Amino acid sequence: MTDAPAPLADPHLVYDPVAGDGPKDVVILGSTGSIGTQAIDLVLRNPDRFRVTALSANGGRVALLAEQAHRLRVRTVAVAREDVVPELREALSARYGAGEPLPEILAGPDAATQAAASDCHTVLNGITGSIGLAPTLAALEAGRTLALANKESLIVGGPLVKALAKPGQIIPVDSEHAALFQALAAGTRADVRKLVVTASGGPFRGRTRQELAAVTVEDALAHPTWAMGPVITINSATLVNKGLEVIEAHLLYDIPFDRIEVVVHPQSYVHSMVEFTDGSTLAQATPPDMRGPIAIGLGWPERVPDAAPVFDWSKASTWEFFPLDDEAFPAVNLARHVGGLAGTAPAVFNAANEECVEAFRTGALPFLGIIDTVTQVVEEHGTPAAGTSLTVPDVLEAETWARARARELTARTASAEARA
């Protein structure tokens, strides 16, 4: 193990692009989403530690974005949808006083990437989906510390991210990877025997494949322990999210796939564990709340007091662990296969899943059709050429093909069901 490549995320290494006193300047990408709003809550409660200089959002919640910009007094607001710029400017003007300068507005598909490269200490990438890849690469190339909640950018562009990231530059924000990150601090890399990634099991834990055939969108969005965006929540229901996290753990910590285990833990108290060679297992545990992992991403190597709730150890509680049902939930094994293929295969897996989740949300695909269709797209994509150097155009081309093929297969499924 000692001769393996250095891991992307290493709690023993601290990357500090900007030395000095005072609050850390932070850019928040995806500010109106679940991660972004919780990050802003953390920042507002810790003004002596953090100062937000720029926000980015897609543009679907203009009023909230303007309110965030005003409360945080940011320099820059970036929005992906150019059509909402007049509405955004009006909303900002309504909040700022007469004669008070408005923040700079960046607009268009590259706006978040521009914000990620702006002058700051840390970029929190809370964007959902593979569109987060370009901002991730921009933040790394600009020398910023990257608090990474956008797992898809690492999944689809792993070699690209690895080529740019300096030791200690990436701090994971996923609850599972923040847990592994903290537990790994207890030993050396050579001491690690296994990573154990926990899964809540989602809303359908315990159901057979047959019992999943008729579940609805409302059923899939009813997550028992976490409040997340709709795409991530459905990914949790299919366990695609856990599959992505297995690939992410492999990339972040350079641990082989056969030493990354998934166990079901319905309470979501233990966020992941590290098993060491001496037989010890270290678990990181908190009540389900993303503000803890966000605080690790923004504050490391320091901890942020009272960032998240704590347990009341005076009250009895039960913590359960179960093996994963691979027959009912094949997404994790599919992800292992895809991760082993490497190259553009993870990008194909992720892009096809994003299309299938959207088709499920609109009623064009049944729940089981999500993984069935993704599996077929992955199989048709085949094995990437060995030794091929991955480029951004390679990723984009593979994603474009996977999305188109997934839509074709989804339309075929919808047509067959209509005829039935």
Protein backbone atom coordinates (compact mmCIF):
# COMPACT_ATOMS: atom_id res chain seq x y z
CA MET A 1 0.00 0.00 0.00
CA THR A 2 2.84 2.39 0.71
CA ASP A 3 3.84 2.43 -2.98
CA ALA A 4 0.32 3.37 -4.16
CA PRO A 5 -0.43 6.86 -5.47
CA ALA A 6 -1.07 9.52 -2.86
CA PRO A 7 -4.79 9.83 -2.08
CA LEU A 8 -6.70 12.87 -3.26
CA ALA A 9 -8.15 13.44 0.21
CA ASP A 10 -5.71 13.06 3.10
CA PRO A 11 -6.57 14.36 6.59
CA HIS A 12 -2.88 14.42 7.48
CA LEU A 13 -2.15 17.05 4.82
CA VAL A 14 -3.35 20.65 4.96
CA TYR A 15 -3.44 22.74 1.81
CA ASP A 16 -3.63 26.45 2.61
CA PRO A 17 -3.70 28.63 -0.52
CA VAL A 18 -4.04 31.90 1.39
CA ALA A 19 -2.23 32.40 4.65
CA GLY A 20 -3.34 35.14 6.98
CA ASP A 21 -5.69 36.14 9.74
CA GLY A 22 -9.40 36.85 9.57
CA PRO A 23 -12.32 34.94 8.05
CA LYS A 24 -11.79 32.54 5.15
CA ASP A 25 -13.15 33.87 1.88
CA VAL A 26 -15.55 31.27 0.47
CA VAL A 27 -17.35 30.83 -2.84
CA ILE A 28 -20.54 28.74 -2.68
CA LEU A 29 -21.64 27.00 -5.88
CA GLY A 30 -25.23 25.79 -5.87
CA SER A 31 -26.20 28.26 -3.16
CA THR A 32 -29.98 27.81 -3.45
CA GLY A 33 -29.82 24.01 -3.18
CA SER A 34 -29.76 21.84 -0.07
CA ILE A 35 -25.98 21.97 0.47
CA GLY A 36 -25.78 25.67 -0.36
CA THR A 37 -28.55 26.81 1.99
CA GLN A 38 -27.09 24.80 4.87
CA ALA A 39 -23.63 26.16 4.16
CA ILE A 40 -25.00 29.69 4.28
CA ASP A 41 -26.66 28.94 7.61
CA LEU A 42 -23.28 27.79 8.94
CA VAL A 43 -21.52 30.89 7.60
CA LEU A 44 -24.06 33.28 9.06
CA ARG A 45 -23.60 31.66 12.47
CA ASN A 46 -19.80 31.95 12.18
CA PRO A 47 -18.99 35.38 10.67
CA ASP A 48 -15.62 35.42 12.43
CA ARG A 49 -14.58 32.27 10.55
CA PHE A 50 -16.10 32.58 7.07
CA ARG A 51 -16.95 35.33 4.58
CA VAL A 52 -18.76 34.51 1.33
CA THR A 53 -17.47 36.44 -1.67
CA ALA A 54 -19.49 34.83 -4.48
CA LEU A 55 -22.60 32.71 -5.00
CA SER A 56 -23.73 30.66 -7.96
CA ALA A 57 -27.07 29.03 -8.75
CA ASN A 58 -28.95 27.68 -11.73
CA GLY A 59 -31.55 30.46 -11.62
CA GLY A 60 -34.72 28.66 -10.61
CA ARG A 61 -35.00 30.48 -7.25
CA VAL A 62 -34.12 34.07 -8.07
CA ALA A 63 -35.71 35.65 -4.99
CA LEU A 64 -33.77 33.35 -2.66
CA LEU A 65 -30.52 33.98 -4.54
CA ALA A 66 -31.00 37.75 -4.24
CA GLU A 67 -31.78 37.44 -0.54
CA GLN A 68 -28.65 35.34 0.01
CA ALA A 69 -26.49 37.83 -1.87
CA HIS A 70 -27.83 40.71 0.20
CA ARG A 71 -27.46 38.98 3.58
CA LEU A 72 -23.92 37.91 2.79
CA ARG A 73 -22.91 41.10 0.96
CA VAL A 74 -21.16 39.14 -1.76
CA ARG A 75 -19.07 40.67 -4.53
CA THR A 76 -20.38 38.38 -7.28
CA VAL A 77 -23.56 36.47 -8.14
CA ALA A 78 -23.38 33.85 -10.90
CA VAL A 79 -26.45 32.39 -12.56
CA ALA A 80 -26.54 29.71 -15.26
CA ARG A 81 -29.78 30.91 -16.87
CA GLU A 82 -29.20 34.12 -18.78
CA ASP A 83 -32.95 34.66 -19.18
CA VAL A 84 -33.38 35.38 -15.45
CA VAL A 85 -30.79 38.18 -15.31
CA PRO A 86 -33.37 41.02 -15.53
CA GLU A 87 -35.42 39.40 -12.75
CA LEU A 88 -32.28 38.88 -10.65
CA ARG A 89 -31.13 42.47 -11.13
CA GLU A 90 -34.58 43.72 -10.12
CA ALA A 91 -34.65 41.46 -7.05
CA LEU A 92 -31.20 42.68 -5.99
CA SER A 93 -32.16 46.32 -6.51
CA ALA A 94 -35.19 45.85 -4.28
CA ARG A 95 -32.98 44.67 -1.42
CA TYR A 96 -30.05 47.04 -1.66
CA GLY A 97 -30.31 50.64 -0.52
CA ALA A 98 -30.31 53.64 -2.85
CA GLY A 99 -26.82 54.31 -4.12
CA GLU A 100 -25.53 51.03 -2.71
CA PRO A 101 -23.55 49.13 -5.37
CA LEU A 102 -25.05 45.86 -6.54
CA PRO A 103 -22.90 42.75 -6.79
CA GLU A 104 -21.40 41.84 -10.14
CA ILE A 105 -23.63 39.45 -12.10
CA LEU A 106 -22.14 36.61 -14.17
CA ALA A 107 -24.56 34.75 -16.41
CA GLY A 108 -24.50 31.75 -18.71
CA PRO A 109 -23.38 28.12 -18.64
CA ASP A 110 -19.82 29.11 -17.66
CA ALA A 111 -20.84 31.47 -14.86
CA ALA A 112 -20.24 28.96 -12.04
CA THR A 113 -16.86 28.09 -13.54
CA GLN A 114 -15.89 31.77 -13.51
CA ALA A 115 -17.00 32.08 -9.89
CA ALA A 116 -15.00 28.97 -8.96
CA ALA A 117 -11.84 30.58 -10.28
CA SER A 118 -12.41 33.91 -8.52
CA ASP A 119 -10.25 35.19 -5.68
CA CYS A 120 -11.01 33.24 -2.49
CA HIS A 121 -9.63 30.64 -0.10
CA THR A 122 -12.20 27.84 -0.47
CA VAL A 123 -14.73 26.86 -3.12
CA LEU A 124 -17.68 24.77 -1.91
CA ASN A 125 -19.02 22.90 -4.93
CA GLY A 126 -22.61 22.02 -4.01
CA ILE A 127 -23.87 21.75 -7.60
CA THR A 128 -25.84 18.60 -8.44
CA GLY A 129 -24.82 16.61 -11.50
CA SER A 130 -21.89 16.32 -13.87
CA ILE A 131 -22.19 20.01 -14.80
CA GLY A 132 -20.11 20.49 -11.65
CA LEU A 133 -16.99 19.12 -13.39
CA ALA A 134 -15.89 22.37 -15.05
CA PRO A 135 -16.16 24.40 -11.80
CA THR A 136 -14.27 21.68 -9.93
CA LEU A 137 -11.42 21.80 -12.43
CA ALA A 138 -11.43 25.61 -12.42
CA ALA A 139 -11.19 25.79 -8.63
CA LEU A 140 -8.30 23.32 -8.56
CA GLU A 141 -6.45 25.03 -11.40
CA ALA A 142 -6.85 28.39 -9.65
CA GLY A 143 -5.27 26.92 -6.51
CA ARG A 144 -8.33 27.08 -4.26
CA THR A 145 -9.12 24.60 -1.53
CA LEU A 146 -12.04 22.57 -2.87
CA ALA A 147 -14.78 21.50 -0.46
CA LEU A 148 -16.34 18.89 -2.71
CA ALA A 149 -20.01 17.98 -2.37
CA ASN A 150 -20.45 17.47 -6.12
CA LYS A 151 -19.49 13.81 -6.30
CA GLU A 152 -20.40 13.60 -9.99
CA SER A 153 -17.47 15.78 -11.06
CA LEU A 154 -15.06 13.33 -9.45
CA ILE A 155 -16.95 10.32 -10.85
CA VAL A 156 -16.96 11.47 -14.48
CA GLY A 157 -13.60 13.23 -14.46
CA GLY A 158 -11.54 11.29 -11.92
CA PRO A 159 -8.23 11.29 -13.86
CA LEU A 160 -8.68 14.97 -14.76
CA VAL A 161 -9.27 15.90 -11.12
CA LYS A 162 -6.32 13.79 -9.99
CA ALA A 163 -4.03 15.46 -12.50
CA LEU A 164 -4.83 18.94 -11.13
CA ALA A 165 -5.32 18.42 -7.39
CA LYS A 166 -2.41 19.11 -5.07
CA PRO A 167 -1.97 17.11 -1.84
CA GLY A 168 -4.62 18.12 0.67
CA GLN A 169 -6.41 20.43 -1.78
CA ILE A 170 -9.70 18.47 -1.77
CA ILE A 171 -11.83 18.14 1.37
CA PRO A 172 -14.84 15.82 0.85
CA VAL A 173 -18.25 17.11 1.96
CA ASP A 174 -20.43 14.03 1.38
CA SER A 175 -21.39 12.77 4.83
CA GLU A 176 -19.87 9.36 4.09
CA HIS A 177 -16.59 10.69 2.77
CA ALA A 178 -16.30 13.34 5.45
CA ALA A 179 -16.70 10.46 7.93
CA LEU A 180 -14.00 8.39 6.24
CA PHE A 181 -11.78 11.45 6.07
CA GLN A 182 -12.05 12.00 9.83
CA ALA A 183 -11.64 8.32 10.73
CA LEU A 184 -8.57 8.01 8.50
CA ALA A 185 -6.86 10.68 10.59
CA ALA A 186 -6.49 8.06 13.35
CA GLY A 187 -3.90 5.98 11.51
CA THR A 188 -1.44 5.83 8.67
CA ARG A 189 -2.42 4.74 5.19
CA ALA A 190 -0.60 1.44 5.65
CA ASP A 191 -2.80 0.75 8.70
CA VAL A 192 -6.04 0.71 6.68
CA ARG A 193 -7.59 -2.67 5.95
CA LYS A 194 -11.02 -1.66 4.70
CA LEU A 195 -13.41 1.24 4.20
CA VAL A 196 -17.00 0.61 5.28
CA VAL A 197 -19.52 2.94 3.65
CA THR A 198 -22.91 3.05 5.34
CA ALA A 199 -26.23 3.33 3.50
CA SER A 200 -29.58 4.19 5.04
CA GLY A 201 -31.23 1.77 2.62
CA GLY A 202 -33.51 4.55 1.42
CA PRO A 203 -37.31 4.39 1.58
CA PHE A 204 -37.45 0.86 0.15
CA ARG A 205 -35.13 -0.99 2.52
CA GLY A 206 -36.26 -4.59 2.96
CA ARG A 207 -38.35 -4.73 -0.21
CA THR A 208 -37.74 -7.35 -2.88
CA ARG A 209 -37.27 -6.52 -6.54
CA GLN A 210 -40.83 -7.62 -7.22
CA GLU A 211 -42.13 -5.28 -4.54
CA LEU A 212 -40.30 -2.35 -6.15
CA ALA A 213 -42.06 -2.70 -9.50
CA ALA A 214 -44.98 -0.41 -8.68
CA VAL A 215 -43.39 2.25 -6.45
CA THR A 216 -44.22 5.87 -7.29
CA VAL A 217 -42.19 9.06 -7.48
CA GLU A 218 -43.78 10.17 -4.21
CA ASP A 219 -42.67 6.91 -2.59
CA ALA A 220 -39.11 7.37 -3.84
CA LEU A 221 -38.93 10.94 -2.57
CA ALA A 222 -39.99 9.96 0.97
CA HIS A 223 -36.50 9.42 2.39
CA PRO A 224 -36.67 8.23 6.00
CA THR A 225 -33.70 10.15 7.44
CA TRP A 226 -32.27 12.77 5.06
CA ALA A 227 -33.77 15.92 3.50
CA MET A 228 -32.10 16.28 0.10
CA GLY A 229 -32.82 17.46 -3.42
CA PRO A 230 -35.06 15.26 -5.62
CA VAL A 231 -32.30 13.79 -7.81
CA ILE A 232 -30.11 12.75 -4.89
CA THR A 233 -33.16 11.43 -3.01
CA ILE A 234 -34.16 9.19 -5.93
CA ASN A 235 -30.53 8.11 -6.31
CA SER A 236 -30.67 7.11 -2.66
CA ALA A 237 -33.84 5.10 -3.31
CA THR A 238 -32.16 3.14 -6.14
CA LEU A 239 -28.83 3.10 -4.23
CA VAL A 240 -27.13 4.63 -7.27
CA ASN A 241 -25.99 7.31 -4.84
CA LYS A 242 -24.18 4.64 -2.81
CA GLY A 243 -22.63 3.23 -5.96
CA LEU A 244 -21.32 6.67 -6.86
CA GLU A 245 -19.93 6.99 -3.34
CA VAL A 246 -18.04 3.70 -3.68
CA ILE A 247 -16.37 5.01 -6.85
CA GLU A 248 -15.71 8.31 -5.10
CA ALA A 249 -14.14 6.58 -2.09
CA HIS A 250 -11.86 4.62 -4.43
CA LEU A 251 -10.77 7.81 -6.16
CA LEU A 252 -10.39 9.93 -3.02
CA TYR A 253 -8.48 7.42 -0.92
CA ASP A 254 -6.89 5.07 -3.50
CA ILE A 255 -8.36 2.01 -1.81
CA PRO A 256 -9.15 -0.92 -4.15
CA PHE A 257 -12.82 -1.70 -4.78
CA ASP A 258 -12.55 -5.10 -3.08
CA ARG A 259 -11.65 -3.29 0.15
CA ILE A 260 -14.64 -0.93 0.09
CA GLU A 261 -17.73 -2.46 1.67
CA VAL A 262 -21.31 -1.15 1.83
CA VAL A 263 -23.54 -1.92 4.82
CA VAL A 264 -27.11 -0.79 5.47
CA HIS A 265 -27.57 1.32 8.60
CA PRO A 266 -31.18 2.59 8.74
CA GLN A 267 -30.66 5.14 11.51
CA SER A 268 -28.00 7.06 9.51
CA TYR A 269 -26.11 7.82 12.72
CA VAL A 270 -22.81 6.19 11.70
CA HIS A 271 -21.81 7.88 8.47
CA SER A 272 -18.99 5.49 7.59
CA MET A 273 -16.19 3.49 9.20
CA VAL A 274 -12.55 2.59 8.69
CA GLU A 275 -11.30 -0.86 9.67
CA PHE A 276 -7.60 -0.94 10.54
CA THR A 277 -5.16 -3.84 10.30
CA ASP A 278 -5.02 -4.31 14.08
CA GLY A 279 -8.73 -5.16 14.16
CA SER A 280 -9.92 -1.76 15.32
CA THR A 281 -12.82 -0.07 13.54
CA LEU A 282 -13.32 3.68 13.88
CA ALA A 283 -16.79 5.03 13.17
CA GLN A 284 -17.76 8.67 12.75
CA ALA A 285 -21.25 9.34 14.10
CA THR A 286 -23.60 12.31 14.41
CA PRO A 287 -27.37 12.76 14.03
CA PRO A 288 -28.27 13.10 10.32
CA ASP A 289 -27.38 16.71 9.45
CA MET A 290 -25.22 17.93 6.58
CA ARG A 291 -23.94 20.99 8.43
CA GLY A 292 -21.33 18.80 10.14
CA PRO A 293 -19.69 17.61 6.89
CA ILE A 294 -19.99 21.12 5.43
CA ALA A 295 -18.16 22.50 8.47
CA ILE A 296 -15.37 19.95 7.92
CA GLY A 297 -15.13 21.01 4.28
CA LEU A 298 -14.95 24.71 5.05
CA GLY A 299 -13.02 24.68 8.31
CA TRP A 300 -10.50 21.83 8.15
CA PRO A 301 -8.08 21.36 9.90
CA GLU A 302 -10.06 23.32 12.51
CA ARG A 303 -13.47 22.24 13.74
CA VAL A 304 -16.42 24.63 13.90
CA PRO A 305 -18.04 24.59 17.37
CA ASP A 306 -21.74 23.66 17.42
CA ALA A 307 -21.83 23.14 13.68
CA ALA A 308 -24.38 20.35 13.95
CA PRO A 309 -26.58 18.60 16.54
CA VAL A 310 -25.13 16.07 19.00
CA PHE A 311 -26.49 12.88 20.55
CA ASP A 312 -28.19 12.80 23.91
CA TRP A 313 -26.26 9.87 25.35
CA SER A 314 -28.56 9.74 28.38
CA LYS A 315 -31.32 8.30 26.17
CA ALA A 316 -31.38 4.70 25.00
CA SER A 317 -31.12 4.11 21.26
CA THR A 318 -30.60 1.19 18.89
CA TRP A 319 -28.16 1.23 15.98
CA GLU A 320 -28.65 -1.52 13.38
CA PHE A 321 -26.48 -2.80 10.53
CA PHE A 322 -27.57 -5.13 7.72
CA PRO A 323 -25.96 -6.57 4.59
CA LEU A 324 -26.90 -4.97 1.29
CA ASP A 325 -29.46 -6.83 -0.85
CA ASP A 326 -27.64 -6.85 -4.19
CA GLU A 327 -30.51 -8.57 -6.00
CA ALA A 328 -33.07 -5.88 -5.16
CA PHE A 329 -30.51 -3.07 -5.42
CA PRO A 330 -27.91 -3.95 -8.09
CA ALA A 331 -26.67 -0.36 -8.49
CA VAL A 332 -23.71 -0.75 -6.14
CA ASN A 333 -22.27 -3.77 -7.95
CA LEU A 334 -22.88 -2.03 -11.28
CA ALA A 335 -20.93 0.97 -9.98
CA ARG A 336 -18.05 -1.27 -8.90
CA HIS A 337 -17.97 -2.73 -12.41
CA VAL A 338 -18.04 0.72 -13.98
CA GLY A 339 -15.36 2.01 -11.62
CA GLY A 340 -13.13 -0.90 -12.56
CA LEU A 341 -13.59 -0.14 -16.26
CA ALA A 342 -12.59 3.50 -15.61
CA GLY A 343 -12.06 5.75 -18.64
CA THR A 344 -15.37 7.17 -19.82
CA ALA A 345 -17.45 4.35 -18.29
CA PRO A 346 -18.25 6.27 -15.06
CA ALA A 347 -19.37 9.27 -17.14
CA VAL A 348 -21.67 7.01 -19.14
CA PHE A 349 -23.08 5.46 -15.96
CA ASN A 350 -23.74 8.85 -14.37
CA ALA A 351 -25.19 10.54 -17.47
CA ALA A 352 -27.51 7.63 -18.25
CA ASN A 353 -28.71 7.62 -14.65
CA GLU A 354 -29.44 11.37 -14.69
CA GLU A 355 -31.59 10.90 -17.81
CA CYS A 356 -33.39 7.89 -16.35
CA VAL A 357 -34.10 9.63 -13.05
CA GLU A 358 -35.67 12.53 -14.96
CA ALA A 359 -37.72 10.05 -17.01
CA PHE A 360 -38.93 8.39 -13.80
CA ARG A 361 -39.85 11.76 -12.30
CA THR A 362 -41.98 12.60 -15.34
CA GLY A 363 -43.67 9.20 -15.45
CA ALA A 364 -41.92 8.00 -18.60
CA LEU A 365 -40.03 5.17 -16.87
CA PRO A 366 -40.91 2.82 -14.00
CA PHE A 367 -38.68 2.70 -10.93
CA LEU A 368 -36.97 -0.57 -11.87
CA GLY A 369 -36.44 0.81 -15.35
CA ILE A 370 -33.88 3.27 -14.00
CA ILE A 371 -31.19 0.69 -13.23
CA ASP A 372 -32.25 -1.67 -16.02
CA THR A 373 -31.79 1.09 -18.59
CA VAL A 374 -28.53 2.35 -17.08
CA THR A 375 -27.19 -1.21 -17.14
CA GLN A 376 -28.02 -1.59 -20.82
CA VAL A 377 -26.38 1.73 -21.70
CA VAL A 378 -23.23 0.74 -19.79
CA GLU A 379 -23.12 -2.63 -21.55
CA GLU A 380 -23.53 -1.03 -24.96
CA HIS A 381 -20.77 1.44 -24.17
CA GLY A 382 -18.39 -1.47 -23.66
CA THR A 383 -14.89 -1.43 -22.21
CA PRO A 384 -12.87 1.78 -22.60
CA ALA A 385 -9.56 1.40 -24.39
CA ALA A 386 -6.80 0.55 -21.92
CA GLY A 387 -4.27 3.27 -21.31
CA THR A 388 -6.31 5.99 -22.99
CA SER A 389 -5.72 9.43 -21.45
CA LEU A 390 -9.04 10.97 -20.50
CA THR A 391 -9.83 14.48 -21.72
CA VAL A 392 -12.76 16.82 -21.12
CA PRO A 393 -13.97 16.33 -24.73
CA ASP A 394 -13.88 12.56 -24.14
CA VAL A 395 -16.13 12.98 -21.10
CA LEU A 396 -18.54 15.29 -22.90
CA GLU A 397 -18.75 13.01 -25.94
CA ALA A 398 -19.41 9.95 -23.77
CA GLU A 399 -22.05 11.81 -21.76
CA THR A 400 -23.79 13.04 -24.90
CA TRP A 401 -23.95 9.52 -26.31
CA ALA A 402 -25.14 8.04 -23.01
CA ARG A 403 -27.90 10.63 -22.59
CA ALA A 404 -29.13 10.14 -26.15
CA ARG A 405 -29.08 6.35 -25.83
CA ALA A 406 -30.85 6.45 -22.47
CA ARG A 407 -33.57 8.66 -23.95
CA GLU A 408 -34.00 6.24 -26.87
CA LEU A 409 -34.35 3.27 -24.54
CA THR A 410 -36.70 5.19 -22.26
CA ALA A 411 -38.93 6.14 -25.19
CA ARG A 412 -38.99 2.51 -26.29
CA THR A 413 -40.01 1.41 -22.79
CA ALA A 414 -42.75 4.06 -22.62
CA SER A 415 -44.06 3.00 -26.05
CA ALA A 416 -44.12 -0.67 -25.06
CA GLU A 417 -46.02 0.11 -21.86
CA ALA A 418 -48.53 2.23 -23.78
CA ARG A 419 -49.23 -0.70 -26.10
CA ALA A 420 -49.56 -3.18 -23.23
